[in-house]
């Protein structure tokens, strides 16, 4: 386990991020994270779904618009208000994954993309709560920030400018886990891990303008979140080589699919 530290505390970081960008469009590319993995999980269109950490709504809106029974929660009130203002029919509310308000065995599926690594405390309680609200044989699909070369480089790039500031005090930003640690977290809380993936959500190469595709030269987070963070031909080739030979070191997240037992 490794902790990432930044200038902004985790909650303030997410408050600023969701206020600064518009509500996400419903995702349309089923071949990229996270929609690719939720589609692999959700096989029953009549099943009840909880998206914990729904953020700006790209997954929540995708399934809502398709008529699925999906509930979204997020700990950032501003994000929830923006979603409700855009579409009052969305079932979305402020919530804490470590203290869920739902009854036992409420959901068939639980989605938690980019959520658990934000928990400085109560990570184990959050997994237990996820287990509690799932029905028997219910399934969870969750991601976690990888403890690897890619994220160590990302943290170095993000924090190097702090050397030139007068106040270099840092606070908790995210947790990073090795693949085995992430897997054990669920196994120790009565889940059977069915699959663990090494995933390149935003490749490290994308942080350098030179490697981005022509349409992505000027960074637009909403654009990238909707269609994926696209690289130039040279960037794609280099990223393909890195992921083929060193997937656990050059992914930036692990994605797990596990069943409640």
C-alpha atoms as a PDB file:
ATOM      1  CA  UNK A   1       0.000   0.000   0.000  1.00  0.00           C
ATOM      2  CA  UNK A   2       1.218   3.498  -0.850  1.00  0.00           C
ATOM      3  CA  UNK A   3      -0.406   6.869  -0.139  1.00  0.00           C
ATOM      4  CA  UNK A   4      -0.472   9.704  -2.668  1.00  0.00           C
ATOM      5  CA  UNK A   5      -0.298  13.194  -1.186  1.00  0.00           C
ATOM      6  CA  UNK A   6      -1.333  16.470  -2.833  1.00  0.00           C
ATOM      7  CA  UNK A   7      -1.981  20.104  -1.930  1.00  0.00           C
ATOM      8  CA  UNK A   8      -5.765  19.691  -1.827  1.00  0.00           C
ATOM      9  CA  UNK A   9      -7.485  17.289   0.551  1.00  0.00           C
ATOM     10  CA  UNK A  10      -9.401  14.551  -1.235  1.00  0.00           C
ATOM     11  CA  UNK A  11     -12.901  15.954  -0.742  1.00  0.00           C
ATOM     12  CA  UNK A  12     -11.859  19.477  -1.735  1.00  0.00           C
ATOM     13  CA  UNK A  13     -10.183  18.057  -4.837  1.00  0.00           C
ATOM     14  CA  UNK A  14     -13.403  16.355  -5.954  1.00  0.00           C
ATOM     15  CA  UNK A  15     -15.560  19.355  -5.086  1.00  0.00           C
ATOM     16  CA  UNK A  16     -13.389  21.565  -7.268  1.00  0.00           C
ATOM     17  CA  UNK A  17     -13.226  19.016 -10.070  1.00  0.00           C
ATOM     18  CA  UNK A  18     -16.986  18.457 -10.338  1.00  0.00           C
ATOM     19  CA  UNK A  19     -17.740  22.174 -10.065  1.00  0.00           C
ATOM     20  CA  UNK A  20     -15.199  23.070 -12.763  1.00  0.00           C
ATOM     21  CA  UNK A  21     -16.449  20.741 -15.501  1.00  0.00           C
ATOM     22  CA  UNK A  22     -19.973  20.291 -16.932  1.00  0.00           C
ATOM     23  CA  UNK A  23     -22.112  17.232 -16.249  1.00  0.00           C
ATOM     24  CA  UNK A  24     -20.849  14.275 -18.266  1.00  0.00           C
ATOM     25  CA  UNK A  25     -22.705  13.118 -21.323  1.00  0.00           C
ATOM     26  CA  UNK A  26     -23.862   9.495 -21.053  1.00  0.00           C
ATOM     27  CA  UNK A  27     -20.953   7.315 -22.133  1.00  0.00           C
ATOM     28  CA  UNK A  28     -21.171   6.010 -25.658  1.00  0.00           C
ATOM     29  CA  UNK A  29     -17.988   4.006 -26.157  1.00  0.00           C
ATOM     30  CA  UNK A  30     -18.544   0.498 -24.773  1.00  0.00           C
ATOM     31  CA  UNK A  31     -14.938  -0.462 -25.518  1.00  0.00           C
ATOM     32  CA  UNK A  32     -13.297   1.736 -22.899  1.00  0.00           C
ATOM     33  CA  UNK A  33     -13.168   2.026 -19.114  1.00  0.00           C
ATOM     34  CA  UNK A  34     -15.430   2.108 -17.186  1.00  0.00           C
ATOM     35  CA  UNK A  35     -18.400   1.249 -19.413  1.00  0.00           C
ATOM     36  CA  UNK A  36     -16.599  -1.742 -20.898  1.00  0.00           C
ATOM     37  CA  UNK A  37     -16.437  -3.389 -17.471  1.00  0.00           C
ATOM     38  CA  UNK A  38     -19.934  -2.521 -16.263  1.00  0.00           C
ATOM     39  CA  UNK A  39     -21.281  -4.015 -19.488  1.00  0.00           C
ATOM     40  CA  UNK A  40     -19.325  -7.201 -18.761  1.00  0.00           C
ATOM     41  CA  UNK A  41     -20.925  -7.311 -15.324  1.00  0.00           C
ATOM     42  CA  UNK A  42     -24.577  -6.394 -15.899  1.00  0.00           C
ATOM     43  CA  UNK A  43     -26.253  -9.248 -17.736  1.00  0.00           C
ATOM     44  CA  UNK A  44     -29.791  -8.828 -16.412  1.00  0.00           C
ATOM     45  CA  UNK A  45     -31.467  -5.601 -17.573  1.00  0.00           C
ATOM     46  CA  UNK A  46     -34.117  -6.027 -14.855  1.00  0.00           C
ATOM     47  CA  UNK A  47     -31.513  -6.130 -12.079  1.00  0.00           C
ATOM     48  CA  UNK A  48     -31.177  -3.379  -9.496  1.00  0.00           C
ATOM     49  CA  UNK A  49     -27.949  -1.374  -9.738  1.00  0.00           C
ATOM     50  CA  UNK A  50     -26.147   0.888  -7.278  1.00  0.00           C
ATOM     51  CA  UNK A  51     -23.437   3.154  -8.631  1.00  0.00           C
ATOM     52  CA  UNK A  52     -21.426   4.307  -5.649  1.00  0.00           C
ATOM     53  CA  UNK A  53     -19.336   7.354  -6.467  1.00  0.00           C
ATOM     54  CA  UNK A  54     -21.381   8.285  -9.547  1.00  0.00           C
ATOM     55  CA  UNK A  55     -19.545  11.605  -9.842  1.00  0.00           C
ATOM     56  CA  UNK A  56     -20.518  13.531 -12.941  1.00  0.00           C
ATOM     57  CA  UNK A  57     -22.939  10.897 -14.142  1.00  0.00           C
ATOM     58  CA  UNK A  58     -21.483   9.282 -17.268  1.00  0.00           C
ATOM     59  CA  UNK A  59     -22.367   5.720 -16.168  1.00  0.00           C
ATOM     60  CA  UNK A  60     -25.474   6.635 -14.200  1.00  0.00           C
ATOM     61  CA  UNK A  61     -26.980   8.508 -17.163  1.00  0.00           C
ATOM     62  CA  UNK A  62     -26.055   5.747 -19.623  1.00  0.00           C
ATOM     63  CA  UNK A  63     -28.052   3.093 -17.752  1.00  0.00           C
ATOM     64  CA  UNK A  64     -30.846   5.450 -16.711  1.00  0.00           C
ATOM     65  CA  UNK A  65     -31.436   6.437 -20.341  1.00  0.00           C
ATOM     66  CA  UNK A  66     -31.600   2.747 -21.284  1.00  0.00           C
ATOM     67  CA  UNK A  67     -34.372   2.179 -18.736  1.00  0.00           C
ATOM     68  CA  UNK A  68     -32.331   0.278 -16.142  1.00  0.00           C
ATOM     69  CA  UNK A  69     -33.183   0.479 -12.435  1.00  0.00           C
ATOM     70  CA  UNK A  70     -30.070   2.350 -11.271  1.00  0.00           C
ATOM     71  CA  UNK A  71     -29.446   4.428  -8.156  1.00  0.00           C
ATOM     72  CA  UNK A  72     -26.456   6.745  -7.874  1.00  0.00           C
ATOM     73  CA  UNK A  73     -24.748   8.107  -4.778  1.00  0.00           C
ATOM     74  CA  UNK A  74     -21.818  10.484  -4.361  1.00  0.00           C
ATOM     75  CA  UNK A  75     -20.261  12.224  -1.371  1.00  0.00           C
ATOM     76  CA  UNK A  76     -19.970  15.523  -3.244  1.00  0.00           C
ATOM     77  CA  UNK A  77     -23.251  17.399  -2.904  1.00  0.00           C
ATOM     78  CA  UNK A  78     -22.429  19.773  -5.773  1.00  0.00           C
ATOM     79  CA  UNK A  79     -22.190  16.846  -8.209  1.00  0.00           C
ATOM     80  CA  UNK A  80     -25.541  15.444  -7.078  1.00  0.00           C
ATOM     81  CA  UNK A  81     -27.239  18.848  -7.395  1.00  0.00           C
ATOM     82  CA  UNK A  82     -25.886  19.344 -10.937  1.00  0.00           C
ATOM     83  CA  UNK A  83     -27.190  15.945 -12.011  1.00  0.00           C
ATOM     84  CA  UNK A  84     -30.633  16.518 -10.480  1.00  0.00           C
ATOM     85  CA  UNK A  85     -30.864  19.944 -12.083  1.00  0.00           C
ATOM     86  CA  UNK A  86     -30.038  18.513 -15.499  1.00  0.00           C
ATOM     87  CA  UNK A  87     -32.395  15.535 -15.164  1.00  0.00           C
ATOM     88  CA  UNK A  88     -34.784  15.469 -12.168  1.00  0.00           C
ATOM     89  CA  UNK A  89     -35.796  11.910 -13.054  1.00  0.00           C
ATOM     90  CA  UNK A  90     -32.356  10.573 -12.048  1.00  0.00           C
ATOM     91  CA  UNK A  91     -32.351   8.537  -8.833  1.00  0.00           C
ATOM     92  CA  UNK A  92     -29.256  10.132  -7.299  1.00  0.00           C
ATOM     93  CA  UNK A  93     -28.452  11.225  -3.761  1.00  0.00           C
ATOM     94  CA  UNK A  94     -25.625  12.229  -1.452  1.00  0.00           C
ATOM     95  CA  UNK A  95     -24.248   9.143   0.247  1.00  0.00           C
ATOM     96  CA  UNK A  96     -21.289   7.573   2.054  1.00  0.00           C
ATOM     97  CA  UNK A  97     -20.148   4.146   0.852  1.00  0.00           C
ATOM     98  CA  UNK A  98     -19.000   3.231   4.377  1.00  0.00           C
ATOM     99  CA  UNK A  99     -22.451   4.044   5.850  1.00  0.00           C
ATOM    100  CA  UNK A 100     -25.060   3.181   3.245  1.00  0.00           C
ATOM    101  CA  UNK A 101     -28.720   3.962   3.962  1.00  0.00           C
ATOM    102  CA  UNK A 102     -30.075   1.022   1.989  1.00  0.00           C
ATOM    103  CA  UNK A 103     -31.565  -2.175   3.418  1.00  0.00           C
ATOM    104  CA  UNK A 104     -29.689  -5.472   3.379  1.00  0.00           C
ATOM    105  CA  UNK A 105     -29.744  -7.344   0.043  1.00  0.00           C
ATOM    106  CA  UNK A 106     -31.175  -4.443  -1.982  1.00  0.00           C
ATOM    107  CA  UNK A 107     -29.078  -4.613  -5.165  1.00  0.00           C
ATOM    108  CA  UNK A 108     -28.081  -7.173  -7.793  1.00  0.00           C
ATOM    109  CA  UNK A 109     -25.083  -5.137  -8.953  1.00  0.00           C
ATOM    110  CA  UNK A 110     -22.795  -2.544  -7.415  1.00  0.00           C
ATOM    111  CA  UNK A 111     -20.506  -0.322  -9.482  1.00  0.00           C
ATOM    112  CA  UNK A 112     -17.693   1.587  -7.763  1.00  0.00           C
ATOM    113  CA  UNK A 113     -15.340   3.135 -10.286  1.00  0.00           C
ATOM    114  CA  UNK A 114     -12.640   5.374  -8.839  1.00  0.00           C
ATOM    115  CA  UNK A 115     -14.209   5.334  -5.387  1.00  0.00           C
ATOM    116  CA  UNK A 116     -12.459   3.089  -2.884  1.00  0.00           C
ATOM    117  CA  UNK A 117      -8.979   4.591  -3.346  1.00  0.00           C
ATOM    118  CA  UNK A 118     -10.353   7.925  -2.053  1.00  0.00           C
ATOM    119  CA  UNK A 119     -10.953   6.491   1.411  1.00  0.00           C
ATOM    120  CA  UNK A 120      -8.256   7.468   3.860  1.00  0.00           C
ATOM    121  CA  UNK A 121     -10.171   5.588   6.560  1.00  0.00           C
ATOM    122  CA  UNK A 122     -12.994   3.035   6.636  1.00  0.00           C
ATOM    123  CA  UNK A 123     -11.917   1.154   3.502  1.00  0.00           C
ATOM    124  CA  UNK A 124     -12.703  -2.206   5.069  1.00  0.00           C
ATOM    125  CA  UNK A 125     -16.068  -0.895   6.307  1.00  0.00           C
ATOM    126  CA  UNK A 126     -16.878   0.273   2.790  1.00  0.00           C
ATOM    127  CA  UNK A 127     -16.283  -3.211   1.367  1.00  0.00           C
ATOM    128  CA  UNK A 128     -18.411  -4.707   4.155  1.00  0.00           C
ATOM    129  CA  UNK A 129     -21.234  -2.270   3.363  1.00  0.00           C
ATOM    130  CA  UNK A 130     -20.975  -3.175  -0.310  1.00  0.00           C
ATOM    131  CA  UNK A 131     -21.357  -6.825   0.663  1.00  0.00           C
ATOM    132  CA  UNK A 132     -24.318  -6.060   2.935  1.00  0.00           C
ATOM    133  CA  UNK A 133     -26.456  -4.259   0.340  1.00  0.00           C
ATOM    134  CA  UNK A 134     -25.873  -6.863  -2.380  1.00  0.00           C
ATOM    135  CA  UNK A 135     -28.251  -9.779  -2.798  1.00  0.00           C
ATOM    136  CA  UNK A 136     -26.949 -13.335  -2.535  1.00  0.00           C
ATOM    137  CA  UNK A 137     -24.677 -13.974  -5.534  1.00  0.00           C
ATOM    138  CA  UNK A 138     -24.840 -10.244  -6.318  1.00  0.00           C
ATOM    139  CA  UNK A 139     -21.790  -8.848  -8.054  1.00  0.00           C
ATOM    140  CA  UNK A 140     -19.542  -5.834  -7.692  1.00  0.00           C
ATOM    141  CA  UNK A 141     -17.325  -4.161 -10.268  1.00  0.00           C
ATOM    142  CA  UNK A 142     -14.836  -1.760  -8.741  1.00  0.00           C
ATOM    143  CA  UNK A 143     -11.595  -0.030  -9.629  1.00  0.00           C
ATOM    144  CA  UNK A 144      -8.611   0.983  -7.509  1.00  0.00           C
ATOM    145  CA  UNK A 145      -5.520   3.068  -8.187  1.00  0.00           C
ATOM    146  CA  UNK A 146      -2.538   0.797  -8.858  1.00  0.00           C
ATOM    147  CA  UNK A 147       0.676   0.962  -6.869  1.00  0.00           C
ATOM    148  CA  UNK A 148       3.076   0.830  -9.816  1.00  0.00           C
ATOM    149  CA  UNK A 149       5.535   2.732 -12.031  1.00  0.00           C
ATOM    150  CA  UNK A 150       2.806   4.607 -13.939  1.00  0.00           C
ATOM    151  CA  UNK A 151       1.251   6.148 -10.837  1.00  0.00           C
ATOM    152  CA  UNK A 152       4.576   6.889  -9.198  1.00  0.00           C
ATOM    153  CA  UNK A 153       5.477   8.871 -12.344  1.00  0.00           C
ATOM    154  CA  UNK A 154       2.082  10.579 -12.286  1.00  0.00           C
ATOM    155  CA  UNK A 155       2.554  11.616  -8.665  1.00  0.00           C
ATOM    156  CA  UNK A 156       6.062  12.877  -9.374  1.00  0.00           C
ATOM    157  CA  UNK A 157       4.834  14.983 -12.284  1.00  0.00           C
ATOM    158  CA  UNK A 158       2.011  16.400 -10.160  1.00  0.00           C
ATOM    159  CA  UNK A 159       4.145  17.218  -7.129  1.00  0.00           C
ATOM    160  CA  UNK A 160       7.447  18.418  -8.606  1.00  0.00           C
ATOM    161  CA  UNK A 161       6.219  22.030  -8.897  1.00  0.00           C
ATOM    162  CA  UNK A 162       5.572  22.088  -5.140  1.00  0.00           C
ATOM    163  CA  UNK A 163       9.308  22.362  -4.600  1.00  0.00           C
ATOM    164  CA  UNK A 164       9.055  25.960  -5.779  1.00  0.00           C
ATOM    165  CA  UNK A 165       6.247  26.967  -3.409  1.00  0.00           C
ATOM    166  CA  UNK A 166       6.684  28.399   0.078  1.00  0.00           C
ATOM    167  CA  UNK A 167       4.060  26.124   1.610  1.00  0.00           C
ATOM    168  CA  UNK A 168       4.805  22.523   0.702  1.00  0.00           C
ATOM    169  CA  UNK A 169       2.478  20.870   3.235  1.00  0.00           C
ATOM    170  CA  UNK A 170       0.690  17.915   1.643  1.00  0.00           C
ATOM    171  CA  UNK A 171      -2.431  15.981   2.612  1.00  0.00           C
ATOM    172  CA  UNK A 172      -4.001  12.638   1.743  1.00  0.00           C
ATOM    173  CA  UNK A 173      -5.140  12.399  -1.878  1.00  0.00           C
ATOM    174  CA  UNK A 174      -5.496   8.724  -2.825  1.00  0.00           C
ATOM    175  CA  UNK A 175      -4.463   5.264  -1.776  1.00  0.00           C
ATOM    176  CA  UNK A 176      -2.571   2.930  -4.110  1.00  0.00           C
ATOM    177  CA  UNK A 177      -2.695  -0.868  -3.871  1.00  0.00           C
ATOM    178  CA  UNK A 178      -0.870  -3.723  -5.535  1.00  0.00           C
ATOM    179  CA  UNK A 179      -3.103  -6.145  -7.438  1.00  0.00           C
ATOM    180  CA  UNK A 180      -2.744  -8.795  -4.724  1.00  0.00           C
ATOM    181  CA  UNK A 181      -3.731  -6.292  -2.015  1.00  0.00           C
ATOM    182  CA  UNK A 182      -6.828  -5.239  -3.946  1.00  0.00           C
ATOM    183  CA  UNK A 183      -7.844  -8.848  -4.486  1.00  0.00           C
ATOM    184  CA  UNK A 184      -7.311  -9.742  -0.808  1.00  0.00           C
ATOM    185  CA  UNK A 185      -9.488  -6.815   0.260  1.00  0.00           C
ATOM    186  CA  UNK A 186     -12.519  -8.519  -1.294  1.00  0.00           C
ATOM    187  CA  UNK A 187     -11.572 -12.099  -0.479  1.00  0.00           C
ATOM    188  CA  UNK A 188     -11.279 -11.169   3.207  1.00  0.00           C
ATOM    189  CA  UNK A 189     -14.803  -9.739   3.138  1.00  0.00           C
ATOM    190  CA  UNK A 190     -16.698 -12.748   1.769  1.00  0.00           C
ATOM    191  CA  UNK A 191     -16.405 -12.074  -1.938  1.00  0.00           C
ATOM    192  CA  UNK A 192     -15.224 -14.504  -4.588  1.00  0.00           C
ATOM    193  CA  UNK A 193     -12.992 -12.679  -7.050  1.00  0.00           C
ATOM    194  CA  UNK A 194     -13.932 -13.713 -10.581  1.00  0.00           C
ATOM    195  CA  UNK A 195     -11.619 -11.454 -12.566  1.00  0.00           C
ATOM    196  CA  UNK A 196      -8.984  -8.778 -12.049  1.00  0.00           C
ATOM    197  CA  UNK A 197      -7.911  -6.533 -14.929  1.00  0.00           C
ATOM    198  CA  UNK A 198      -4.960  -4.180 -15.410  1.00  0.00           C
ATOM    199  CA  UNK A 199      -6.540  -1.136 -17.070  1.00  0.00           C
ATOM    200  CA  UNK A 200      -5.126   1.918 -18.817  1.00  0.00           C
ATOM    201  CA  UNK A 201      -7.765   4.548 -18.124  1.00  0.00           C
ATOM    202  CA  UNK A 202      -5.520   7.544 -18.843  1.00  0.00           C
ATOM    203  CA  UNK A 203      -2.135   6.344 -20.180  1.00  0.00           C
ATOM    204  CA  UNK A 204       0.924   8.080 -18.752  1.00  0.00           C
ATOM    205  CA  UNK A 205       1.787   9.085 -22.332  1.00  0.00           C
ATOM    206  CA  UNK A 206      -1.433  11.107 -22.551  1.00  0.00           C
ATOM    207  CA  UNK A 207      -0.026  13.561 -20.021  1.00  0.00           C
ATOM    208  CA  UNK A 208       2.440  14.662 -22.717  1.00  0.00           C
ATOM    209  CA  UNK A 209       0.831  16.668 -25.524  1.00  0.00           C
ATOM    210  CA  UNK A 210       3.219  15.162 -28.088  1.00  0.00           C
ATOM    211  CA  UNK A 211       1.690  11.681 -27.668  1.00  0.00           C
ATOM    212  CA  UNK A 212      -1.987  12.731 -27.882  1.00  0.00           C
ATOM    213  CA  UNK A 213      -4.133  12.315 -30.980  1.00  0.00           C
ATOM    214  CA  UNK A 214      -4.767  15.406 -33.106  1.00  0.00           C
ATOM    215  CA  UNK A 215      -8.262  15.894 -31.647  1.00  0.00           C
ATOM    216  CA  UNK A 216      -6.904  15.750 -28.078  1.00  0.00           C
ATOM    217  CA  UNK A 217      -3.921  18.103 -28.334  1.00  0.00           C
ATOM    218  CA  UNK A 218      -5.811  20.707 -26.296  1.00  0.00           C
ATOM    219  CA  UNK A 219      -6.804  18.879 -23.119  1.00  0.00           C
ATOM    220  CA  UNK A 220     -10.548  18.655 -22.491  1.00  0.00           C
ATOM    221  CA  UNK A 221     -11.421  16.401 -19.568  1.00  0.00           C
ATOM    222  CA  UNK A 222     -15.106  16.055 -20.465  1.00  0.00           C
ATOM    223  CA  UNK A 223     -14.144  14.986 -24.002  1.00  0.00           C
ATOM    224  CA  UNK A 224     -11.648  12.440 -22.726  1.00  0.00           C
ATOM    225  CA  UNK A 225     -14.014  11.033 -20.098  1.00  0.00           C
ATOM    226  CA  UNK A 226     -16.699  10.421 -22.711  1.00  0.00           C
ATOM    227  CA  UNK A 227     -14.738   8.869 -25.561  1.00  0.00           C
ATOM    228  CA  UNK A 228     -11.461   7.845 -23.958  1.00  0.00           C
ATOM    229  CA  UNK A 229      -8.013   9.425 -23.774  1.00  0.00           C
ATOM    230  CA  UNK A 230      -6.794   8.917 -27.322  1.00  0.00           C
ATOM    231  CA  UNK A 231      -3.158   8.763 -28.373  1.00  0.00           C
ATOM    232  CA  UNK A 232      -1.435   9.437 -31.673  1.00  0.00           C
ATOM    233  CA  UNK A 233      -0.370   6.461 -33.801  1.00  0.00           C
ATOM    234  CA  UNK A 234       3.123   6.553 -32.304  1.00  0.00           C
ATOM    235  CA  UNK A 235       1.656   6.911 -28.812  1.00  0.00           C
ATOM    236  CA  UNK A 236      -0.656   3.932 -29.403  1.00  0.00           C
ATOM    237  CA  UNK A 237       2.220   1.739 -30.551  1.00  0.00           C
ATOM    238  CA  UNK A 238       4.366   2.642 -27.566  1.00  0.00           C
ATOM    239  CA  UNK A 239       1.476   2.220 -25.109  1.00  0.00           C
ATOM    240  CA  UNK A 240       0.577  -1.156 -26.658  1.00  0.00           C
ATOM    241  CA  UNK A 241       4.132  -2.383 -26.124  1.00  0.00           C
ATOM    242  CA  UNK A 242       4.147  -1.178 -22.503  1.00  0.00           C
ATOM    243  CA  UNK A 243       0.804  -2.850 -21.735  1.00  0.00           C
ATOM    244  CA  UNK A 244       1.736  -6.074 -23.513  1.00  0.00           C
ATOM    245  CA  UNK A 245       4.977  -6.651 -21.627  1.00  0.00           C
ATOM    246  CA  UNK A 246       4.444  -4.687 -18.381  1.00  0.00           C
ATOM    247  CA  UNK A 247       0.657  -4.471 -17.804  1.00  0.00           C
ATOM    248  CA  UNK A 248       0.845  -4.298 -13.998  1.00  0.00           C
ATOM    249  CA  UNK A 249       3.372  -1.460 -14.152  1.00  0.00           C
ATOM    250  CA  UNK A 250       1.848   0.716 -16.889  1.00  0.00           C
ATOM    251  CA  UNK A 251      -1.849   0.401 -16.175  1.00  0.00           C
ATOM    252  CA  UNK A 252      -3.104   3.104 -13.849  1.00  0.00           C
ATOM    253  CA  UNK A 253      -5.975   1.198 -12.236  1.00  0.00           C
ATOM    254  CA  UNK A 254      -7.020  -2.339 -11.409  1.00  0.00           C
ATOM    255  CA  UNK A 255     -10.604  -3.357 -12.050  1.00  0.00           C
ATOM    256  CA  UNK A 256     -12.134  -6.249 -10.144  1.00  0.00           C
ATOM    257  CA  UNK A 257     -15.302  -8.256 -10.637  1.00  0.00           C
ATOM    258  CA  UNK A 258     -16.351 -10.204  -7.556  1.00  0.00           C
ATOM    259  CA  UNK A 259     -19.401 -12.175  -6.391  1.00  0.00           C
ATOM    260  CA  UNK A 260     -20.955 -12.073  -2.928  1.00  0.00           C
ATOM    261  CA  UNK A 261     -20.721 -15.465  -1.224  1.00  0.00           C
END
